[in-house]
Amino acid sequence: DRLSFRRFCGFPLDQKTPDHMSIWRFRQRLVDLGLQ
């Protein structure tokens, strides 16, 4: 919804943004690798 968030995350306007499950899986992978 917000251009500032999209820009901060590096998503161009013509690219689909991740859904909440993709965000969760990414965050969980960071935790699993001890990188958070």
Full PDB file with SEQRES, HELIX, SHEET, SSBOND, CRYST1, ORIGX, SCALE, CONECT and MASTER records, all heavy atoms in Angstrom:
SEQRES   1 A   36  ASP ARG LEU SER PHE ARG ARG PHE CYS GLY PHE PRO LEU          
SEQRES   2 A   36  ASP GLN LYS THR PRO ASP HIS MET SER ILE TRP ARG PHE          
SEQRES   3 A   36  ARG GLN ARG LEU VAL ASP LEU GLY LEU GLN                      
HELIX    1 AA1 LEU A    3  CYS A    9  1                                   7    
HELIX    2 AA2 HIS A   20  ASP A   32  1                                  13    
CRYST1    1.000    1.000    1.000  90.00  90.00  90.00 P 1           1          
ORIGX1      1.000000  0.000000  0.000000        0.00000                         
ORIGX2      0.000000  1.000000  0.000000        0.00000                         
ORIGX3      0.000000  0.000000  1.000000        0.00000                         
SCALE1      1.000000  0.000000  0.000000        0.00000                         
SCALE2      0.000000  1.000000  0.000000        0.00000                         
SCALE3      0.000000  0.000000  1.000000        0.00000                         
ATOM      1  N   ASP A   1       0.787  -1.227   0.000  1.00  0.00           N  
ATOM      2  CA  ASP A   1       0.000   0.000   0.000  1.00  0.00           C  
ATOM      3  C   ASP A   1       0.823   1.284   0.000  1.00  0.00           C  
ATOM      4  O   ASP A   1       0.386   2.297  -0.526  1.00  0.00           O  
ATOM      5  CB  ASP A   1      -0.931  -0.019   1.220  1.00  0.00           C  
ATOM      6  CG  ASP A   1      -1.884   1.156   1.233  1.00  0.00           C  
ATOM      7  OD1 ASP A   1      -2.598   1.345   0.231  1.00  0.00           O  
ATOM      8  OD2 ASP A   1      -1.912   1.880   2.242  1.00  0.00           O  
ATOM      9  N   ARG A   2       2.002   1.276   0.596  1.00  0.00           N  
ATOM     10  CA  ARG A   2       2.763   2.512   0.792  1.00  0.00           C  
ATOM     11  C   ARG A   2       4.007   2.546  -0.087  1.00  0.00           C  
ATOM     12  O   ARG A   2       4.843   1.649  -0.032  1.00  0.00           O  
ATOM     13  CB  ARG A   2       3.175   2.650   2.249  1.00  0.00           C  
ATOM     14  CG  ARG A   2       1.991   2.775   3.167  1.00  0.00           C  
ATOM     15  CD  ARG A   2       2.413   3.055   4.571  1.00  0.00           C  
ATOM     16  NE  ARG A   2       1.259   2.952   5.436  1.00  0.00           N  
ATOM     17  CZ  ARG A   2       1.227   2.269   6.560  1.00  0.00           C  
ATOM     18  NH1 ARG A   2       2.306   1.648   6.980  1.00  0.00           N  
ATOM     19  NH2 ARG A   2       0.139   2.210   7.279  1.00  0.00           N  
ATOM     20  N   LEU A   3       4.120   3.610  -0.853  1.00  0.00           N  
ATOM     21  CA  LEU A   3       5.280   3.753  -1.731  1.00  0.00           C  
ATOM     22  C   LEU A   3       6.583   3.788  -0.942  1.00  0.00           C  
ATOM     23  O   LEU A   3       7.594   3.249  -1.383  1.00  0.00           O  
ATOM     24  CB  LEU A   3       5.147   5.007  -2.586  1.00  0.00           C  
ATOM     25  CG  LEU A   3       4.092   4.961  -3.683  1.00  0.00           C  
ATOM     26  CD1 LEU A   3       4.010   6.301  -4.390  1.00  0.00           C  
ATOM     27  CD2 LEU A   3       4.374   3.836  -4.654  1.00  0.00           C  
ATOM     28  N   SER A   4       6.580   4.410   0.227  1.00  0.00           N  
ATOM     29  CA  SER A   4       7.812   4.491   1.016  1.00  0.00           C  
ATOM     30  C   SER A   4       8.274   3.105   1.462  1.00  0.00           C  
ATOM     31  O   SER A   4       9.474   2.810   1.421  1.00  0.00           O  
ATOM     32  CB  SER A   4       7.621   5.400   2.233  1.00  0.00           C  
ATOM     33  OG  SER A   4       6.580   4.912   3.071  1.00  0.00           O  
ATOM     34  N   PHE A   5       7.356   2.240   1.866  1.00  0.00           N  
ATOM     35  CA  PHE A   5       7.720   0.877   2.259  1.00  0.00           C  
ATOM     36  C   PHE A   5       8.212   0.099   1.042  1.00  0.00           C  
ATOM     37  O   PHE A   5       9.198  -0.632   1.105  1.00  0.00           O  
ATOM     38  CB  PHE A   5       6.533   0.149   2.893  1.00  0.00           C  
ATOM     39  CG  PHE A   5       6.330   0.442   4.343  1.00  0.00           C  
ATOM     40  CD1 PHE A   5       6.059   1.723   4.786  1.00  0.00           C  
ATOM     41  CD2 PHE A   5       6.399  -0.571   5.270  1.00  0.00           C  
ATOM     42  CE1 PHE A   5       5.855   1.987   6.123  1.00  0.00           C  
ATOM     43  CE2 PHE A   5       6.197  -0.318   6.616  1.00  0.00           C  
ATOM     44  CZ  PHE A   5       5.924   0.964   7.040  1.00  0.00           C  
ATOM     45  N   ARG A   6       7.510   0.243  -0.060  1.00  0.00           N  
ATOM     46  CA  ARG A   6       7.878  -0.455  -1.295  1.00  0.00           C  
ATOM     47  C   ARG A   6       9.286  -0.038  -1.725  1.00  0.00           C  
ATOM     48  O   ARG A   6      10.123  -0.865  -2.069  1.00  0.00           O  
ATOM     49  CB  ARG A   6       6.863  -0.134  -2.382  1.00  0.00           C  
ATOM     50  CG  ARG A   6       7.112  -0.835  -3.688  1.00  0.00           C  
ATOM     51  CD  ARG A   6       6.071  -0.416  -4.718  1.00  0.00           C  
ATOM     52  NE  ARG A   6       4.803  -1.073  -4.505  1.00  0.00           N  
ATOM     53  CZ  ARG A   6       4.453  -2.215  -5.074  1.00  0.00           C  
ATOM     54  NH1 ARG A   6       5.274  -2.820  -5.896  1.00  0.00           N  
ATOM     55  NH2 ARG A   6       3.286  -2.754  -4.832  1.00  0.00           N  
ATOM     56  N   ARG A   7       9.552   1.254  -1.700  1.00  0.00           N  
ATOM     57  CA  ARG A   7      10.866   1.776  -2.085  1.00  0.00           C  
ATOM     58  C   ARG A   7      11.944   1.277  -1.121  1.00  0.00           C  
ATOM     59  O   ARG A   7      13.013   0.851  -1.544  1.00  0.00           O  
ATOM     60  CB  ARG A   7      10.826   3.301  -2.098  1.00  0.00           C  
ATOM     61  CG  ARG A   7      12.037   3.928  -2.744  1.00  0.00           C  
ATOM     62  CD  ARG A   7      11.913   5.433  -2.886  1.00  0.00           C  
ATOM     63  NE  ARG A   7      10.592   5.834  -3.327  1.00  0.00           N  
ATOM     64  CZ  ARG A   7       9.852   6.759  -2.713  1.00  0.00           C  
ATOM     65  NH1 ARG A   7      10.291   7.385  -1.665  1.00  0.00           N  
ATOM     66  NH2 ARG A   7       8.660   7.062  -3.154  1.00  0.00           N  
ATOM     67  N   PHE A   8      11.660   1.316   0.181  1.00  0.00           N  
ATOM     68  CA  PHE A   8      12.617   0.861   1.186  1.00  0.00           C  
ATOM     69  C   PHE A   8      12.987  -0.604   0.963  1.00  0.00           C  
ATOM     70  O   PHE A   8      14.145  -0.991   1.088  1.00  0.00           O  
ATOM     71  CB  PHE A   8      12.038   1.046   2.594  1.00  0.00           C  
ATOM     72  CG  PHE A   8      12.942   0.574   3.686  1.00  0.00           C  
ATOM     73  CD1 PHE A   8      13.990   1.367   4.121  1.00  0.00           C  
ATOM     74  CD2 PHE A   8      12.745  -0.662   4.282  1.00  0.00           C  
ATOM     75  CE1 PHE A   8      14.830   0.931   5.126  1.00  0.00           C  
ATOM     76  CE2 PHE A   8      13.579  -1.105   5.284  1.00  0.00           C  
ATOM     77  CZ  PHE A   8      14.622  -0.305   5.711  1.00  0.00           C  
ATOM     78  N   CYS A   9      12.002  -1.418   0.596  1.00  0.00           N  
ATOM     79  CA  CYS A   9      12.233  -2.851   0.372  1.00  0.00           C  
ATOM     80  C   CYS A   9      12.773  -3.155  -1.020  1.00  0.00           C  
ATOM     81  O   CYS A   9      13.173  -4.288  -1.288  1.00  0.00           O  
ATOM     82  CB  CYS A   9      10.943  -3.637   0.606  1.00  0.00           C  
ATOM     83  SG  CYS A   9      10.389  -3.598   2.310  1.00  0.00           S  
ATOM     84  N   GLY A  10      12.773  -2.160  -1.896  1.00  0.00           N  
ATOM     85  CA  GLY A  10      13.324  -2.348  -3.228  1.00  0.00           C  
ATOM     86  C   GLY A  10      12.394  -2.977  -4.241  1.00  0.00           C  
ATOM     87  O   GLY A  10      12.854  -3.546  -5.234  1.00  0.00           O  
ATOM     88  N   PHE A  11      11.083  -2.880  -4.016  1.00  0.00           N  
ATOM     89  CA  PHE A  11      10.120  -3.447  -4.959  1.00  0.00           C  
ATOM     90  C   PHE A  11       9.677  -2.385  -5.966  1.00  0.00           C  
ATOM     91  O   PHE A  11       9.102  -1.379  -5.577  1.00  0.00           O  
ATOM     92  CB  PHE A  11       8.881  -3.989  -4.238  1.00  0.00           C  
ATOM     93  CG  PHE A  11       9.152  -5.165  -3.373  1.00  0.00           C  
ATOM     94  CD1 PHE A  11       9.067  -5.066  -1.999  1.00  0.00           C  
ATOM     95  CD2 PHE A  11       9.496  -6.391  -3.932  1.00  0.00           C  
ATOM     96  CE1 PHE A  11       9.320  -6.163  -1.189  1.00  0.00           C  
ATOM     97  CE2 PHE A  11       9.750  -7.495  -3.131  1.00  0.00           C  
ATOM     98  CZ  PHE A  11       9.667  -7.379  -1.758  1.00  0.00           C  
ATOM     99  N   PRO A  12       9.923  -2.616  -7.267  1.00  0.00           N  
ATOM    100  CA  PRO A  12       9.422  -1.679  -8.272  1.00  0.00           C  
ATOM    101  C   PRO A  12       7.894  -1.690  -8.304  1.00  0.00           C  
ATOM    102  O   PRO A  12       7.267  -2.647  -7.840  1.00  0.00           O  
ATOM    103  CB  PRO A  12       9.979  -2.217  -9.594  1.00  0.00           C  
ATOM    104  CG  PRO A  12      10.925  -3.313  -9.252  1.00  0.00           C  
ATOM    105  CD  PRO A  12      10.678  -3.708  -7.830  1.00  0.00           C  
ATOM    106  N   LEU A  13       7.324  -0.645  -8.841  1.00  0.00           N  
ATOM    107  CA  LEU A  13       5.864  -0.528  -8.883  1.00  0.00           C  
ATOM    108  C   LEU A  13       5.208  -1.635  -9.708  1.00  0.00           C  
ATOM    109  O   LEU A  13       4.082  -2.019  -9.428  1.00  0.00           O  
ATOM    110  CB  LEU A  13       5.456   0.834  -9.446  1.00  0.00           C  
ATOM    111  CG  LEU A  13       5.754   2.031  -8.557  1.00  0.00           C  
ATOM    112  CD1 LEU A  13       5.404   3.319  -9.283  1.00  0.00           C  
ATOM    113  CD2 LEU A  13       5.009   1.922  -7.243  1.00  0.00           C  
ATOM    114  N   ASP A  14       5.919  -2.151 -10.704  1.00  0.00           N  
ATOM    115  CA  ASP A  14       5.329  -3.179 -11.565  1.00  0.00           C  
ATOM    116  C   ASP A  14       5.580  -4.603 -11.066  1.00  0.00           C  
ATOM    117  O   ASP A  14       5.227  -5.563 -11.726  1.00  0.00           O  
ATOM    118  CB  ASP A  14       5.841  -3.030 -13.000  1.00  0.00           C  
ATOM    119  CG  ASP A  14       7.349  -3.194 -13.118  1.00  0.00           C  
ATOM    120  OD1 ASP A  14       8.043  -3.177 -12.090  1.00  0.00           O  
ATOM    121  OD2 ASP A  14       7.830  -3.325 -14.256  1.00  0.00           O  
ATOM    122  N   GLN A  15       6.171  -4.729  -9.882  1.00  0.00           N  
ATOM    123  CA  GLN A  15       6.452  -6.059  -9.314  1.00  0.00           C  
ATOM    124  C   GLN A  15       5.484  -6.357  -8.180  1.00  0.00           C  
ATOM    125  O   GLN A  15       5.159  -5.487  -7.374  1.00  0.00           O  
ATOM    126  CB  GLN A  15       7.884  -6.102  -8.786  1.00  0.00           C  
ATOM    127  CG  GLN A  15       8.296  -7.452  -8.251  1.00  0.00           C  
ATOM    128  CD  GLN A  15       9.754  -7.458  -7.811  1.00  0.00           C  
ATOM    129  OE1 GLN A  15      10.531  -6.604  -8.189  1.00  0.00           O  
ATOM    130  NE2 GLN A  15      10.104  -8.421  -6.978  1.00  0.00           N  
ATOM    131  N   LYS A  16       5.023  -7.587  -8.121  1.00  0.00           N  
ATOM    132  CA  LYS A  16       4.142  -8.021  -7.036  1.00  0.00           C  
ATOM    133  C   LYS A  16       4.937  -8.039  -5.722  1.00  0.00           C  
ATOM    134  O   LYS A  16       6.108  -8.391  -5.700  1.00  0.00           O  
ATOM    135  CB  LYS A  16       3.602  -9.416  -7.353  1.00  0.00           C  
ATOM    136  CG  LYS A  16       2.534  -9.871  -6.412  1.00  0.00           C  
ATOM    137  CD  LYS A  16       1.982 -11.223  -6.831  1.00  0.00           C  
ATOM    138  CE  LYS A  16       0.870 -11.588  -5.871  1.00  0.00           C  
ATOM    139  NZ  LYS A  16       0.789 -12.971  -5.580  1.00  0.00           N  
ATOM    140  N   THR A  17       4.289  -7.660  -4.647  1.00  0.00           N  
ATOM    141  CA  THR A  17       4.939  -7.675  -3.342  1.00  0.00           C  
ATOM    142  C   THR A  17       4.614  -8.990  -2.625  1.00  0.00           C  
ATOM    143  O   THR A  17       3.616  -9.642  -2.923  1.00  0.00           O  
ATOM    144  CB  THR A  17       4.477  -6.478  -2.489  1.00  0.00           C  
ATOM    145  OG1 THR A  17       3.062  -6.492  -2.404  1.00  0.00           O  
ATOM    146  CG2 THR A  17       4.947  -5.165  -3.099  1.00  0.00           C  
ATOM    147  N   PRO A  18       5.455  -9.381  -1.659  1.00  0.00           N  
ATOM    148  CA  PRO A  18       5.233 -10.667  -0.992  1.00  0.00           C  
ATOM    149  C   PRO A  18       4.004 -10.655  -0.087  1.00  0.00           C  
ATOM    150  O   PRO A  18       3.650  -9.632   0.480  1.00  0.00           O  
ATOM    151  CB  PRO A  18       6.503 -10.867  -0.163  1.00  0.00           C  
ATOM    152  CG  PRO A  18       7.076  -9.514   0.008  1.00  0.00           C  
ATOM    153  CD  PRO A  18       6.653  -8.712  -1.178  1.00  0.00           C  
ATOM    154  N   ASP A  19       3.374 -11.813   0.016  1.00  0.00           N  
ATOM    155  CA  ASP A  19       2.254 -11.946   0.942  1.00  0.00           C  
ATOM    156  C   ASP A  19       2.801 -12.247   2.343  1.00  0.00           C  
ATOM    157  O   ASP A  19       4.003 -12.434   2.526  1.00  0.00           O  
ATOM    158  CB  ASP A  19       1.271 -13.020   0.480  1.00  0.00           C  
ATOM    159  CG  ASP A  19       1.877 -14.418   0.457  1.00  0.00           C  
ATOM    160  OD1 ASP A  19       2.967 -14.632   1.012  1.00  0.00           O  
ATOM    161  OD2 ASP A  19       1.236 -15.314  -0.115  1.00  0.00           O  
ATOM    162  N   HIS A  20       1.919 -12.262   3.327  1.00  0.00           N  
ATOM    163  CA  HIS A  20       2.369 -12.415   4.716  1.00  0.00           C  
ATOM    164  C   HIS A  20       3.059 -13.753   4.970  1.00  0.00           C  
ATOM    165  O   HIS A  20       3.968 -13.844   5.792  1.00  0.00           O  
ATOM    166  CB  HIS A  20       1.226 -12.177   5.707  1.00  0.00           C  
ATOM    167  CG  HIS A  20       0.170 -13.225   5.691  1.00  0.00           C  
ATOM    168  ND1 HIS A  20      -0.850 -13.238   4.773  1.00  0.00           N  
ATOM    169  CD2 HIS A  20      -0.021 -14.299   6.487  1.00  0.00           C  
ATOM    170  CE1 HIS A  20      -1.633 -14.269   5.003  1.00  0.00           C  
ATOM    171  NE2 HIS A  20      -1.152 -14.943   6.039  1.00  0.00           N  
ATOM    172  N   MET A  21       2.676 -14.801   4.259  1.00  0.00           N  
ATOM    173  CA  MET A  21       3.337 -16.097   4.455  1.00  0.00           C  
ATOM    174  C   MET A  21       4.762 -16.079   3.902  1.00  0.00           C  
ATOM    175  O   MET A  21       5.671 -16.668   4.488  1.00  0.00           O  
ATOM    176  CB  MET A  21       2.533 -17.226   3.811  1.00  0.00           C  
ATOM    177  CG  MET A  21       1.287 -17.590   4.605  1.00  0.00           C  
ATOM    178  SD  MET A  21       1.603 -18.024   6.352  1.00  0.00           S  
ATOM    179  CE  MET A  21       2.662 -19.442   6.173  1.00  0.00           C  
ATOM    180  N   SER A  22       4.979 -15.384   2.797  1.00  0.00           N  
ATOM    181  CA  SER A  22       6.334 -15.241   2.259  1.00  0.00           C  
ATOM    182  C   SER A  22       7.203 -14.458   3.223  1.00  0.00           C  
ATOM    183  O   SER A  22       8.378 -14.790   3.443  1.00  0.00           O  
ATOM    184  CB  SER A  22       6.302 -14.544   0.898  1.00  0.00           C  
ATOM    185  OG  SER A  22       5.592 -15.317  -0.035  1.00  0.00           O  
ATOM    186  N   ILE A  23       6.644 -13.411   3.801  1.00  0.00           N  
ATOM    187  CA  ILE A  23       7.375 -12.614   4.793  1.00  0.00           C  
ATOM    188  C   ILE A  23       7.704 -13.481   6.003  1.00  0.00           C  
ATOM    189  O   ILE A  23       8.832 -13.464   6.501  1.00  0.00           O  
ATOM    190  CB  ILE A  23       6.552 -11.366   5.188  1.00  0.00           C  
ATOM    191  CG1 ILE A  23       6.425 -10.427   3.978  1.00  0.00           C  
ATOM    192  CG2 ILE A  23       7.175 -10.654   6.386  1.00  0.00           C  
ATOM    193  CD1 ILE A  23       5.431  -9.309   4.158  1.00  0.00           C  
ATOM    194  N   TRP A  24       6.740 -14.259   6.466  1.00  0.00           N  
ATOM    195  CA  TRP A  24       6.968 -15.142   7.615  1.00  0.00           C  
ATOM    196  C   TRP A  24       8.068 -16.158   7.308  1.00  0.00           C  
ATOM    197  O   TRP A  24       8.954 -16.387   8.122  1.00  0.00           O  
ATOM    198  CB  TRP A  24       5.685 -15.871   8.011  1.00  0.00           C  
ATOM    199  CG  TRP A  24       5.900 -16.782   9.177  1.00  0.00           C  
ATOM    200  CD1 TRP A  24       5.846 -16.437  10.495  1.00  0.00           C  
ATOM    201  CD2 TRP A  24       6.234 -18.173   9.140  1.00  0.00           C  
ATOM    202  NE1 TRP A  24       6.120 -17.526  11.285  1.00  0.00           N  
ATOM    203  CE2 TRP A  24       6.373 -18.616  10.469  1.00  0.00           C  
ATOM    204  CE3 TRP A  24       6.447 -19.085   8.112  1.00  0.00           C  
ATOM    205  CZ2 TRP A  24       6.700 -19.921  10.788  1.00  0.00           C  
ATOM    206  CZ3 TRP A  24       6.779 -20.390   8.434  1.00  0.00           C  
ATOM    207  CH2 TRP A  24       6.897 -20.793   9.763  1.00  0.00           C  
ATOM    208  N   ARG A  25       8.002 -16.790   6.113  1.00  0.00           N  
ATOM    209  CA  ARG A  25       9.016 -17.790   5.749  1.00  0.00           C  
ATOM    210  C   ARG A  25      10.406 -17.171   5.675  1.00  0.00           C  
ATOM    211  O   ARG A  25      11.385 -17.769   6.130  1.00  0.00           O  
ATOM    212  CB  ARG A  25       8.658 -18.459   4.420  1.00  0.00           C  
ATOM    213  CG  ARG A  25       7.567 -19.502   4.562  1.00  0.00           C  
ATOM    214  CD  ARG A  25       7.400 -20.326   3.297  1.00  0.00           C  
ATOM    215  NE  ARG A  25       7.000 -19.535   2.151  1.00  0.00           N  
ATOM    216  CZ  ARG A  25       5.746 -19.275   1.816  1.00  0.00           C  
ATOM    217  NH1 ARG A  25       4.743 -19.754   2.535  1.00  0.00           N  
ATOM    218  NH2 ARG A  25       5.476 -18.545   0.754  1.00  0.00           N  
ATOM    219  N   PHE A  26      10.509 -15.967   5.137  1.00  0.00           N  
ATOM    220  CA  PHE A  26      11.798 -15.271   5.070  1.00  0.00           C  
ATOM    221  C   PHE A  26      12.321 -14.991   6.475  1.00  0.00           C  
ATOM    222  O   PHE A  26      13.486 -15.254   6.790  1.00  0.00           O  
ATOM    223  CB  PHE A  26      11.655 -13.964   4.281  1.00  0.00           C  
ATOM    224  CG  PHE A  26      12.911 -13.151   4.247  1.00  0.00           C  
ATOM    225  CD1 PHE A  26      13.980 -13.534   3.452  1.00  0.00           C  
ATOM    226  CD2 PHE A  26      13.031 -12.000   5.006  1.00  0.00           C  
ATOM    227  CE1 PHE A  26      15.147 -12.783   3.412  1.00  0.00           C  
ATOM    228  CE2 PHE A  26      14.181 -11.246   4.980  1.00  0.00           C  
ATOM    229  CZ  PHE A  26      15.246 -11.639   4.181  1.00  0.00           C  
ATOM    230  N   ARG A  27      11.460 -14.449   7.330  1.00  0.00           N  
ATOM    231  CA  ARG A  27      11.861 -14.151   8.706  1.00  0.00           C  
ATOM    232  C   ARG A  27      12.269 -15.420   9.440  1.00  0.00           C  
ATOM    233  O   ARG A  27      13.277 -15.458  10.143  1.00  0.00           O  
ATOM    234  CB  ARG A  27      10.722 -13.430   9.431  1.00  0.00           C  
ATOM    235  CG  ARG A  27      11.096 -12.939  10.817  1.00  0.00           C  
ATOM    236  CD  ARG A  27      10.023 -12.049  11.413  1.00  0.00           C  
ATOM    237  NE  ARG A  27       8.667 -12.509  11.222  1.00  0.00           N  
ATOM    238  CZ  ARG A  27       8.094 -13.479  11.936  1.00  0.00           C  
ATOM    239  NH1 ARG A  27       8.772 -14.107  12.862  1.00  0.00           N  
ATOM    240  NH2 ARG A  27       6.832 -13.812  11.716  1.00  0.00           N  
ATOM    241  N   GLN A  28      11.495 -16.477   9.246  1.00  0.00           N  
ATOM    242  CA  GLN A  28      11.804 -17.749   9.905  1.00  0.00           C  
ATOM    243  C   GLN A  28      13.139 -18.308   9.417  1.00  0.00           C  
ATOM    244  O   GLN A  28      13.913 -18.856  10.194  1.00  0.00           O  
ATOM    245  CB  GLN A  28      10.685 -18.761   9.667  1.00  0.00           C  
ATOM    246  CG  GLN A  28      10.808 -20.003  10.521  1.00  0.00           C  
ATOM    247  CD  GLN A  28      10.818 -19.705  12.021  1.00  0.00           C  
ATOM    248  OE1 GLN A  28      10.004 -18.914  12.505  1.00  0.00           O  
ATOM    249  NE2 GLN A  28      11.723 -20.305  12.746  1.00  0.00           N  
ATOM    250  N   ARG A  29      13.434 -18.158   8.146  1.00  0.00           N  
ATOM    251  CA  ARG A  29      14.715 -18.629   7.597  1.00  0.00           C  
ATOM    252  C   ARG A  29      15.877 -17.856   8.225  1.00  0.00           C  
ATOM    253  O   ARG A  29      16.910 -18.446   8.533  1.00  0.00           O  
ATOM    254  CB  ARG A  29      14.706 -18.472   6.074  1.00  0.00           C  
ATOM    255  CG  ARG A  29      15.929 -18.986   5.404  1.00  0.00           C  
ATOM    256  CD  ARG A  29      15.918 -20.500   5.363  1.00  0.00           C  
ATOM    257  NE  ARG A  29      17.048 -20.955   4.575  1.00  0.00           N  
ATOM    258  CZ  ARG A  29      17.821 -21.971   4.908  1.00  0.00           C  
ATOM    259  NH1 ARG A  29      17.549 -22.705   5.959  1.00  0.00           N  
ATOM    260  NH2 ARG A  29      18.837 -22.295   4.168  1.00  0.00           N  
ATOM    261  N   LEU A  30      15.703 -16.559   8.421  1.00  0.00           N  
ATOM    262  CA  LEU A  30      16.737 -15.770   9.097  1.00  0.00           C  
ATOM    263  C   LEU A  30      16.974 -16.295  10.508  1.00  0.00           C  
ATOM    264  O   LEU A  30      18.127 -16.426  10.955  1.00  0.00           O  
ATOM    265  CB  LEU A  30      16.339 -14.292   9.161  1.00  0.00           C  
ATOM    266  CG  LEU A  30      16.365 -13.519   7.863  1.00  0.00           C  
ATOM    267  CD1 LEU A  30      15.781 -12.124   8.087  1.00  0.00           C  
ATOM    268  CD2 LEU A  30      17.757 -13.435   7.292  1.00  0.00           C  
ATOM    269  N   VAL A  31      15.902 -16.613  11.217  1.00  0.00           N  
ATOM    270  CA  VAL A  31      16.009 -17.154  12.573  1.00  0.00           C  
ATOM    271  C   VAL A  31      16.710 -18.509  12.533  1.00  0.00           C  
ATOM    272  O   VAL A  31      17.634 -18.767  13.318  1.00  0.00           O  
ATOM    273  CB  VAL A  31      14.616 -17.267  13.232  1.00  0.00           C  
ATOM    274  CG1 VAL A  31      14.682 -18.052  14.527  1.00  0.00           C  
ATOM    275  CG2 VAL A  31      14.023 -15.878  13.467  1.00  0.00           C  
ATOM    276  N   ASP A  32      16.301 -19.370  11.604  1.00  0.00           N  
ATOM    277  CA  ASP A  32      16.900 -20.703  11.501  1.00  0.00           C  
ATOM    278  C   ASP A  32      18.400 -20.636  11.236  1.00  0.00           C  
ATOM    279  O   ASP A  32      19.168 -21.464  11.727  1.00  0.00           O  
ATOM    280  CB  ASP A  32      16.234 -21.520  10.390  1.00  0.00           C  
ATOM    281  CG  ASP A  32      14.788 -21.879  10.706  1.00  0.00           C  
ATOM    282  OD1 ASP A  32      14.375 -21.750  11.877  1.00  0.00           O  
ATOM    283  OD2 ASP A  32      14.077 -22.273   9.758  1.00  0.00           O  
ATOM    284  N   LEU A  33      18.831 -19.631  10.475  1.00  0.00           N  
ATOM    285  CA  LEU A  33      20.250 -19.466  10.148  1.00  0.00           C  
ATOM    286  C   LEU A  33      20.999 -18.627  11.181  1.00  0.00           C  
ATOM    287  O   LEU A  33      22.205 -18.441  11.073  1.00  0.00           O  
ATOM    288  CB  LEU A  33      20.406 -18.832   8.765  1.00  0.00           C  
ATOM    289  CG  LEU A  33      19.916 -19.667   7.593  1.00  0.00           C  
ATOM    290  CD1 LEU A  33      19.925 -18.846   6.305  1.00  0.00           C  
ATOM    291  CD2 LEU A  33      20.765 -20.919   7.453  1.00  0.00           C  
ATOM    292  N   GLY A  34      20.264 -18.109  12.175  1.00  0.00           N  
ATOM    293  CA  GLY A  34      20.887 -17.285  13.209  1.00  0.00           C  
ATOM    294  C   GLY A  34      21.342 -15.925  12.702  1.00  0.00           C  
ATOM    295  O   GLY A  34      22.286 -15.350  13.236  1.00  0.00           O  
ATOM    296  N   LEU A  35      20.659 -15.401  11.703  1.00  0.00           N  
ATOM    297  CA  LEU A  35      21.076 -14.139  11.083  1.00  0.00           C  
ATOM    298  C   LEU A  35      20.226 -12.943  11.486  1.00  0.00           C  
ATOM    299  O   LEU A  35      20.531 -11.816  11.084  1.00  0.00           O  
ATOM    300  CB  LEU A  35      21.048 -14.282   9.557  1.00  0.00           C  
ATOM    301  CG  LEU A  35      22.025 -15.290   8.970  1.00  0.00           C  
ATOM    302  CD1 LEU A  35      21.794 -15.432   7.472  1.00  0.00           C  
ATOM    303  CD2 LEU A  35      23.450 -14.881   9.261  1.00  0.00           C  
ATOM    304  N   GLN A  36      19.171 -13.151  12.256  1.00  0.00           N  
ATOM    305  CA  GLN A  36      18.260 -12.054  12.564  1.00  0.00           C  
ATOM    306  C   GLN A  36      18.944 -10.921  13.322  1.00  0.00           C  
ATOM    307  O   GLN A  36      18.711  -9.746  13.029  1.00  0.00           O  
ATOM    308  CB  GLN A  36      16.997 -12.539  13.300  1.00  0.00           C  
ATOM    309  CG  GLN A  36      17.191 -12.920  14.738  1.00  0.00           C  
ATOM    310  CD  GLN A  36      17.728 -14.337  14.956  1.00  0.00           C  
ATOM    311  OE1 GLN A  36      18.134 -15.012  14.027  1.00  0.00           O  
ATOM    312  NE2 GLN A  36      17.735 -14.776  16.188  1.00  0.00           N  
TER     313      GLN A  36                                                      
MASTER        0    0    0    2    0    0    0    6  312    1    0    3          
END                                                                             
